[in-house]
């Protein structure tokens, strides 16, 4: 559901057919509120604002351990690379997600809701040129110093 410009989503802990490519194109070019609340609706709004006004945009994805933050970020990146196109011959989404440092493998811990919860936050910056994805960087920062 939406609360203003905030999307409240719940992790269903299973794959749903609401993240397919057809759904991406269904949200493309639509105004916020024309369709059901969705991560693609927020991504479309940010993309339109970036293209229209040439200003940087941010999506903040927050939640508890196991809430689906990483998956939501993947869906947003998939939206941008599908709609904005990607300059290059392989998936920018896959490249960005594969670039997580090896260090993170040593910084995970078991929680009551997630067997492999990261101790690190991620900041992903996606570069665009003329509305096309040109690259991305991922930076990590320590969330819980006491667990390392």
Protein backbone atom coordinates (compact mmCIF):
# COMPACT_ATOMS: atom_id res chain seq x y z
CA UNK A 1 0.00 0.00 0.00
CA UNK A 2 1.03 3.62 -0.39
CA UNK A 3 1.24 6.21 2.37
CA UNK A 4 1.98 9.41 0.47
CA UNK A 5 5.15 8.69 -1.46
CA UNK A 6 6.06 5.79 0.82
CA UNK A 7 5.46 2.24 -0.35
CA UNK A 8 4.80 -0.28 2.39
CA UNK A 9 5.52 -3.80 1.15
CA UNK A 10 5.47 -7.15 2.88
CA UNK A 11 7.79 -10.00 1.95
CA UNK A 12 5.59 -12.95 0.91
CA UNK A 13 8.57 -15.34 1.23
CA UNK A 14 7.71 -16.85 -2.15
CA UNK A 15 8.04 -15.95 -5.82
CA UNK A 16 5.02 -14.11 -7.23
CA UNK A 17 4.20 -13.35 -10.89
CA UNK A 18 3.96 -9.59 -10.15
CA UNK A 19 7.61 -8.89 -10.96
CA UNK A 20 7.75 -10.19 -14.53
CA UNK A 21 8.82 -8.11 -17.55
CA UNK A 22 5.21 -7.63 -18.66
CA UNK A 23 4.49 -5.95 -15.32
CA UNK A 24 7.49 -3.66 -15.77
CA UNK A 25 6.09 -2.44 -19.09
CA UNK A 26 2.62 -2.07 -17.57
CA UNK A 27 4.00 0.50 -15.09
CA UNK A 28 6.17 2.28 -17.67
CA UNK A 29 4.88 5.78 -18.42
CA UNK A 30 2.06 5.58 -15.87
CA UNK A 31 1.42 8.14 -13.16
CA UNK A 32 1.76 7.22 -9.51
CA UNK A 33 -1.64 6.00 -8.33
CA UNK A 34 -2.89 4.92 -11.78
CA UNK A 35 -2.16 1.31 -10.88
CA UNK A 36 -1.74 -0.72 -7.71
CA UNK A 37 1.11 0.27 -5.37
CA UNK A 38 4.30 -1.48 -6.47
CA UNK A 39 8.08 -1.09 -6.38
CA UNK A 40 7.87 -0.54 -10.15
CA UNK A 41 5.54 2.45 -9.61
CA UNK A 42 8.13 4.09 -7.33
CA UNK A 43 10.94 3.27 -9.75
CA UNK A 44 8.93 4.78 -12.63
CA UNK A 45 8.29 7.97 -10.66
CA UNK A 46 11.98 8.35 -9.79
CA UNK A 47 12.98 7.63 -13.40
CA UNK A 48 10.51 10.19 -14.79
CA UNK A 49 11.67 12.85 -12.32
CA UNK A 50 15.29 12.19 -13.23
CA UNK A 51 14.66 12.38 -16.97
CA UNK A 52 12.25 15.33 -16.81
CA UNK A 53 14.19 17.56 -14.41
CA UNK A 54 17.71 16.14 -14.68
CA UNK A 55 17.96 15.80 -10.90
CA UNK A 56 19.36 12.91 -8.91
CA UNK A 57 16.77 10.64 -7.32
CA UNK A 58 16.92 8.24 -4.37
CA UNK A 59 14.97 5.18 -3.36
CA UNK A 60 15.45 4.30 0.29
CA UNK A 61 14.66 0.66 0.96
CA UNK A 62 14.42 -0.08 4.65
CA UNK A 63 13.14 -2.86 6.87
CA UNK A 64 13.95 -5.55 9.38
CA UNK A 65 16.11 -8.58 8.77
CA UNK A 66 14.45 -10.83 6.20
CA UNK A 67 12.02 -8.12 5.07
CA UNK A 68 13.14 -8.38 1.44
CA UNK A 69 15.28 -5.25 1.08
CA UNK A 70 17.84 -6.87 -1.23
CA UNK A 71 15.12 -8.36 -3.41
CA UNK A 72 13.30 -5.01 -3.62
CA UNK A 73 16.55 -3.33 -4.68
CA UNK A 74 16.99 -6.00 -7.37
CA UNK A 75 13.48 -5.32 -8.68
CA UNK A 76 14.14 -1.57 -8.84
CA UNK A 77 17.42 -2.16 -10.69
CA UNK A 78 15.68 -4.53 -13.07
CA UNK A 79 13.11 -1.81 -13.76
CA UNK A 80 15.78 0.78 -14.54
CA UNK A 81 17.81 -1.52 -16.77
CA UNK A 82 14.69 -2.68 -18.63
CA UNK A 83 13.07 0.74 -19.14
CA UNK A 84 16.22 2.85 -19.38
CA UNK A 85 18.18 0.35 -21.35
CA UNK A 86 21.68 -0.65 -20.49
CA UNK A 87 24.71 0.46 -22.48
CA UNK A 88 26.66 -2.78 -22.73
CA UNK A 89 25.99 -6.38 -23.56
CA UNK A 90 25.23 -7.94 -20.16
CA UNK A 91 22.82 -7.28 -17.34
CA UNK A 92 23.85 -4.32 -15.19
CA UNK A 93 21.66 -5.70 -12.41
CA UNK A 94 23.69 -8.92 -12.32
CA UNK A 95 26.99 -7.03 -12.42
CA UNK A 96 26.05 -4.76 -9.53
CA UNK A 97 24.75 -7.58 -7.35
CA UNK A 98 27.82 -9.71 -8.10
CA UNK A 99 30.10 -6.89 -6.98
CA UNK A 100 29.39 -7.28 -3.24
CA UNK A 101 32.71 -7.63 -1.45
CA UNK A 102 33.93 -10.99 -0.24
CA UNK A 103 34.18 -9.36 3.19
CA UNK A 104 30.41 -9.56 3.51
CA UNK A 105 30.56 -13.36 3.51
CA UNK A 106 32.33 -13.13 6.86
CA UNK A 107 29.90 -10.55 8.25
CA UNK A 108 26.63 -12.47 8.18
CA UNK A 109 24.82 -13.85 11.20
CA UNK A 110 21.78 -15.98 11.99
CA UNK A 111 18.75 -14.12 13.32
CA UNK A 112 15.31 -15.36 14.32
CA UNK A 113 13.96 -14.35 10.90
CA UNK A 114 16.90 -14.89 8.58
CA UNK A 115 19.62 -17.56 8.56
CA UNK A 116 22.03 -15.37 6.61
CA UNK A 117 21.47 -11.80 7.73
CA UNK A 118 24.08 -9.28 6.61
CA UNK A 119 25.84 -7.04 9.10
CA UNK A 120 26.39 -4.54 6.28
CA UNK A 121 24.21 -1.90 4.67
CA UNK A 122 24.51 -1.27 0.94
CA UNK A 123 24.48 1.98 -0.99
CA UNK A 124 23.97 1.39 -4.70
CA UNK A 125 24.52 4.28 -7.10
CA UNK A 126 23.35 3.77 -10.66
CA UNK A 127 24.79 6.03 -13.34
CA UNK A 128 22.69 7.24 -16.26
CA UNK A 129 23.56 9.06 -19.46
CA UNK A 130 20.72 10.29 -21.68
CA UNK A 131 18.29 8.09 -19.67
CA UNK A 132 20.36 4.92 -20.27
CA UNK A 133 22.07 3.00 -17.49
CA UNK A 134 25.82 3.37 -17.94
CA UNK A 135 27.15 1.77 -14.78
CA UNK A 136 26.77 1.35 -11.07
CA UNK A 137 28.77 1.25 -7.88
CA UNK A 138 27.99 -0.48 -4.63
CA UNK A 139 29.37 0.65 -1.30
CA UNK A 140 28.95 -1.20 1.95
CA UNK A 141 28.97 0.12 5.46
CA UNK A 142 29.06 -1.71 8.76
CA UNK A 143 25.73 -1.86 10.58
CA UNK A 144 26.68 -3.71 13.75
CA UNK A 145 30.26 -3.23 14.87
CA UNK A 146 29.72 -5.47 17.91
CA UNK A 147 29.13 -8.56 15.72
CA UNK A 148 32.43 -8.37 13.84
